[in-house]
């Protein structure tokens, strides 16, 4: 399948592009079966992963994955389709997220808790931002959106990349809208890292996230950095002028405690 056959605002679909080049761009279970055939994806419990129609037996969604390796996936549903593609793209990180959910459910089955909320937030809306120029990450942490997206626009293309993780965010990117915001984990990388093939970059991000989730990191919502995606060059033609970044409803001067 040609990359031109699926939307890619600002290149934000690039993590999924190796998969989307193999199948029709439609939420079809047969396409997922095709992608899964050569793979041996496993949960943290060692179960082989399968995408199945949602059963009606009342078993918790995350516990079903942990105990049986079954990811409830509605046919003809973009949200679940993108979730499956993210499993194929970041299998270690998704397995680590599921393991954290399962552990929390085992300890407190009747209480969701803030840890699970944060995990779900990243699972749905997460993005990994990498940059070889730490000053760009500093602008993001400081909510300096005009400086980041406009003044340093050319530096973004050279030294910063965004890798969408959240399947809800992919669904929203089918029709990007004002205020669309992801929650970011930030990594400083080398210039050489940015020159790696996409497959190597994705594998490294997958390993990093899996290790950090297993270690209990990213379990506070405030540890994730807001990233207004509509500010990134190429996501919308509206941001081709400096005045676009005067919209403080969308590009908010956030408040963050020092060191968070």
Protein backbone atom coordinates (compact mmCIF):
# COMPACT_ATOMS: atom_id res chain seq x y z
CA UNK A 1 0.00 0.00 0.00
CA UNK A 2 1.37 3.42 -0.90
CA UNK A 3 2.08 5.73 2.07
CA UNK A 4 0.06 8.35 0.21
CA UNK A 5 -3.07 6.21 0.69
CA UNK A 6 -3.39 6.99 4.39
CA UNK A 7 -3.42 10.36 6.17
CA UNK A 8 -0.23 11.50 7.82
CA UNK A 9 -0.62 15.00 9.22
CA UNK A 10 2.82 16.24 10.05
CA UNK A 11 4.20 12.73 9.68
CA UNK A 12 2.53 11.67 12.93
CA UNK A 13 1.40 8.35 11.44
CA UNK A 14 5.01 7.39 10.71
CA UNK A 15 5.31 4.82 13.56
CA UNK A 16 2.47 2.84 11.97
CA UNK A 17 3.61 3.32 8.38
CA UNK A 18 5.50 -0.03 8.12
CA UNK A 19 2.23 -1.78 8.97
CA UNK A 20 -0.10 0.45 6.97
CA UNK A 21 2.00 -0.12 3.87
CA UNK A 22 1.04 -3.83 4.04
CA UNK A 23 -2.74 -3.60 4.40
CA UNK A 24 -5.75 -1.58 3.23
CA UNK A 25 -6.31 1.49 5.35
CA UNK A 26 -9.52 0.30 6.99
CA UNK A 27 -10.38 -1.22 10.39
CA UNK A 28 -10.77 -4.76 9.07
CA UNK A 29 -10.11 -7.79 11.33
CA UNK A 30 -8.76 -9.68 8.31
CA UNK A 31 -6.00 -7.09 7.99
CA UNK A 32 -5.02 -7.60 11.62
CA UNK A 33 -4.92 -11.36 11.08
CA UNK A 34 -2.60 -10.78 8.12
CA UNK A 35 -0.26 -8.62 10.18
CA UNK A 36 -0.25 -11.00 13.14
CA UNK A 37 0.44 -14.17 11.13
CA UNK A 38 4.26 -13.82 11.06
CA UNK A 39 4.49 -12.34 14.57
CA UNK A 40 4.74 -13.96 17.97
CA UNK A 41 3.62 -11.17 20.27
CA UNK A 42 3.40 -12.05 23.95
CA UNK A 43 1.91 -10.49 27.04
CA UNK A 44 3.95 -10.04 30.19
CA UNK A 45 2.37 -13.28 31.44
CA UNK A 46 3.71 -15.15 28.41
CA UNK A 47 0.37 -15.53 26.64
CA UNK A 48 0.39 -15.28 22.87
CA UNK A 49 -1.50 -12.17 21.82
CA UNK A 50 -4.73 -12.39 19.81
CA UNK A 51 -7.27 -9.78 18.74
CA UNK A 52 -10.74 -11.16 19.33
CA UNK A 53 -14.33 -9.84 19.17
CA UNK A 54 -15.40 -8.48 22.57
CA UNK A 55 -16.77 -11.37 24.67
CA UNK A 56 -19.75 -10.82 26.96
CA UNK A 57 -18.51 -12.72 30.01
CA UNK A 58 -17.75 -9.73 32.24
CA UNK A 59 -13.99 -10.32 32.52
CA UNK A 60 -12.05 -7.06 32.86
CA UNK A 61 -10.47 -5.86 29.61
CA UNK A 62 -6.91 -5.74 30.96
CA UNK A 63 -7.20 -8.99 32.94
CA UNK A 64 -8.39 -10.75 29.79
CA UNK A 65 -5.19 -9.70 28.04
CA UNK A 66 -3.04 -10.76 31.00
CA UNK A 67 -4.74 -14.10 31.66
CA UNK A 68 -5.65 -15.18 28.13
CA UNK A 69 -3.72 -12.99 25.70
CA UNK A 70 -7.01 -11.81 24.22
CA UNK A 71 -7.36 -8.15 23.24
CA UNK A 72 -11.06 -7.34 22.82
CA UNK A 73 -11.24 -5.68 19.40
CA UNK A 74 -14.45 -4.43 17.84
CA UNK A 75 -14.70 -4.95 14.06
CA UNK A 76 -14.95 -1.84 11.88
CA UNK A 77 -13.79 0.32 14.79
CA UNK A 78 -10.92 2.76 14.23
CA UNK A 79 -10.15 3.11 17.93
CA UNK A 80 -9.60 -0.62 18.40
CA UNK A 81 -7.87 -0.96 15.03
CA UNK A 82 -5.25 1.60 16.03
CA UNK A 83 -4.87 -0.07 19.41
CA UNK A 84 -4.00 -3.31 17.60
CA UNK A 85 -1.49 -1.53 15.37
CA UNK A 86 0.18 0.00 18.42
CA UNK A 87 0.45 -3.46 19.98
CA UNK A 88 2.27 -4.57 16.82
CA UNK A 89 4.52 -1.50 16.83
CA UNK A 90 5.36 -1.24 20.55
CA UNK A 91 4.73 -4.78 21.87
CA UNK A 92 7.05 -4.60 24.87
CA UNK A 93 5.66 -1.29 26.10
CA UNK A 94 2.05 -2.40 25.63
CA UNK A 95 2.79 -5.63 27.50
CA UNK A 96 4.40 -3.67 30.33
CA UNK A 97 1.37 -1.37 30.55
CA UNK A 98 -0.92 -4.37 30.72
CA UNK A 99 1.22 -5.99 33.41
CA UNK A 100 0.94 -2.86 35.57
CA UNK A 101 -2.84 -2.85 35.13
CA UNK A 102 -3.05 -6.54 36.02
CA UNK A 103 -0.92 -6.09 39.13
CA UNK A 104 -3.08 -3.17 40.30
CA UNK A 105 -6.28 -5.13 39.64
CA UNK A 106 -4.97 -8.09 41.59
CA UNK A 107 -4.23 -5.91 44.61
CA UNK A 108 -7.32 -3.69 44.47
CA UNK A 109 -9.90 -5.06 42.03
CA UNK A 110 -12.61 -2.63 43.10
CA UNK A 111 -10.47 0.54 43.00
CA UNK A 112 -9.11 2.00 39.78
CA UNK A 113 -6.58 4.36 41.39
CA UNK A 114 -4.39 7.16 40.06
CA UNK A 115 -1.67 4.82 38.75
CA UNK A 116 -4.07 3.09 36.39
CA UNK A 117 -5.52 6.44 35.33
CA UNK A 118 -2.04 7.65 34.34
CA UNK A 119 -1.29 4.42 32.50
CA UNK A 120 -4.55 4.68 30.59
CA UNK A 121 -3.88 8.32 29.80
CA UNK A 122 -0.62 7.45 28.09
CA UNK A 123 -2.08 4.35 26.45
CA UNK A 124 -4.81 6.48 24.89
CA UNK A 125 -3.06 9.81 24.28
CA UNK A 126 0.67 9.25 24.70
CA UNK A 127 3.47 10.47 22.46
CA UNK A 128 7.23 10.08 22.72
CA UNK A 129 9.20 13.19 21.81
CA UNK A 130 12.91 12.78 21.10
CA UNK A 131 15.35 15.56 20.38
CA UNK A 132 19.08 15.87 19.83
CA UNK A 133 18.87 19.52 20.92
CA UNK A 134 17.97 19.72 24.64
CA UNK A 135 16.91 23.36 24.29
CA UNK A 136 13.89 22.21 22.26
CA UNK A 137 12.81 19.89 25.05
CA UNK A 138 13.31 22.74 27.53
CA UNK A 139 10.91 24.92 25.52
CA UNK A 140 8.34 22.12 25.54
CA UNK A 141 8.70 21.62 29.29
CA UNK A 142 8.33 25.36 29.77
CA UNK A 143 5.20 25.70 27.62
CA UNK A 144 7.03 28.13 25.34
CA UNK A 145 4.91 27.21 22.37
CA UNK A 146 5.56 30.15 20.03
CA UNK A 147 9.31 29.84 20.53
CA UNK A 148 9.17 26.08 20.03
CA UNK A 149 6.80 25.84 17.09
CA UNK A 150 7.49 29.11 15.27
CA UNK A 151 10.81 30.70 16.22
CA UNK A 152 12.57 27.31 16.25
CA UNK A 153 10.53 25.83 13.41
CA UNK A 154 13.52 24.89 11.26
CA UNK A 155 15.26 23.32 14.25
CA UNK A 156 12.24 21.08 14.84
CA UNK A 157 12.67 19.51 11.41
CA UNK A 158 16.35 18.98 12.05
CA UNK A 159 16.52 17.85 15.64
CA UNK A 160 13.12 16.70 16.98
CA UNK A 161 10.80 13.78 16.24
CA UNK A 162 7.39 12.79 17.62
CA UNK A 163 6.29 9.17 17.86
CA UNK A 164 2.60 8.81 18.63
CA UNK A 165 1.79 5.93 20.98
CA UNK A 166 -1.81 6.60 21.99
CA UNK A 167 -4.39 4.84 19.87
CA UNK A 168 -7.06 7.44 20.67
CA UNK A 169 -4.70 10.11 19.36
CA UNK A 170 -4.28 8.21 16.09
CA UNK A 171 -8.06 8.08 15.79
CA UNK A 172 -8.30 11.84 16.40
CA UNK A 173 -5.60 12.47 13.79
CA UNK A 174 -7.97 11.16 11.14
CA UNK A 175 -9.71 14.51 11.62
CA UNK A 176 -7.37 16.79 13.59
CA UNK A 177 -9.12 19.52 15.57
CA UNK A 178 -8.24 22.67 17.45
CA UNK A 179 -6.96 21.82 20.90
CA UNK A 180 -5.87 18.25 20.12
CA UNK A 181 -3.28 17.53 22.79
CA UNK A 182 -1.12 14.51 23.54
CA UNK A 183 0.74 13.61 26.73
CA UNK A 184 4.46 13.31 26.13
CA UNK A 185 7.41 11.39 27.48
CA UNK A 186 10.61 13.23 26.52
CA UNK A 187 13.98 11.71 25.61
CA UNK A 188 17.22 13.42 24.67
CA UNK A 189 18.98 11.46 21.93
CA UNK A 190 22.08 11.82 19.78
CA UNK A 191 22.22 13.08 16.22
CA UNK A 192 23.20 9.56 15.19
CA UNK A 193 20.02 8.22 16.81
CA UNK A 194 17.94 10.47 14.56
CA UNK A 195 19.70 8.97 11.54
CA UNK A 196 18.79 5.39 12.44
CA UNK A 197 16.23 3.52 10.34
CA UNK A 198 12.68 3.89 11.63
CA UNK A 199 12.62 0.25 12.73
CA UNK A 200 15.61 0.81 15.01
CA UNK A 201 14.11 3.96 16.49
CA UNK A 202 10.82 2.22 17.23
CA UNK A 203 12.57 -0.75 18.84
CA UNK A 204 14.62 1.52 21.08
CA UNK A 205 11.57 3.52 22.17
CA UNK A 206 9.68 0.29 22.81
CA UNK A 207 12.44 -1.04 25.07
CA UNK A 208 12.80 2.25 26.94
CA UNK A 209 9.11 2.59 27.64
CA UNK A 210 8.76 -1.05 28.69
CA UNK A 211 11.65 -0.74 31.13
CA UNK A 212 10.31 2.48 32.60
CA UNK A 213 6.75 1.21 33.00
CA UNK A 214 8.06 -1.95 34.65
CA UNK A 215 10.06 0.22 37.04
CA UNK A 216 6.97 2.21 37.98
CA UNK A 217 7.76 5.39 36.05
CA UNK A 218 5.19 7.61 34.34
CA UNK A 219 2.55 6.70 36.93
CA UNK A 220 1.53 10.29 37.61
CA UNK A 221 -0.48 12.26 35.09
CA UNK A 222 1.57 15.37 35.86
CA UNK A 223 4.75 13.51 34.90
CA UNK A 224 3.51 13.54 31.31
CA UNK A 225 4.07 16.76 29.37
CA UNK A 226 1.18 18.29 27.41
CA UNK A 227 1.94 18.66 23.71
CA UNK A 228 -0.57 20.61 21.55
CA UNK A 229 -0.23 18.61 18.36
CA UNK A 230 -1.80 21.25 16.14
CA UNK A 231 1.25 23.39 16.69
CA UNK A 232 3.59 20.95 14.99
CA UNK A 233 4.52 21.99 11.43
CA UNK A 234 2.53 20.07 8.84
CA UNK A 235 -0.33 18.95 11.08
CA UNK A 236 -2.57 21.78 9.86
CA UNK A 237 -2.02 24.46 7.18
CA UNK A 238 -3.39 26.98 9.67
CA UNK A 239 -0.12 27.02 11.61
CA UNK A 240 1.88 28.41 8.69
CA UNK A 241 1.64 31.91 10.20
CA UNK A 242 2.99 33.22 13.50
CA UNK A 243 -0.44 34.58 14.46
CA UNK A 244 -1.75 31.04 14.83
CA UNK A 245 0.23 30.71 18.04
CA UNK A 246 -1.55 33.68 19.63
CA UNK A 247 -4.42 31.32 20.45
CA UNK A 248 -3.86 30.91 24.19
CA UNK A 249 -6.86 28.63 24.56
CA UNK A 250 -4.93 26.11 22.50
CA UNK A 251 -1.34 27.06 23.43
CA UNK A 252 -1.70 27.55 27.14
CA UNK A 253 1.01 28.89 29.46
CA UNK A 254 0.89 25.86 31.72
CA UNK A 255 2.01 25.62 35.29
CA UNK A 256 4.41 22.94 36.36
CA UNK A 257 6.31 22.55 39.58
CA UNK A 258 10.11 22.81 39.26
CA UNK A 259 11.71 19.49 38.46
CA UNK A 260 8.43 17.81 37.41
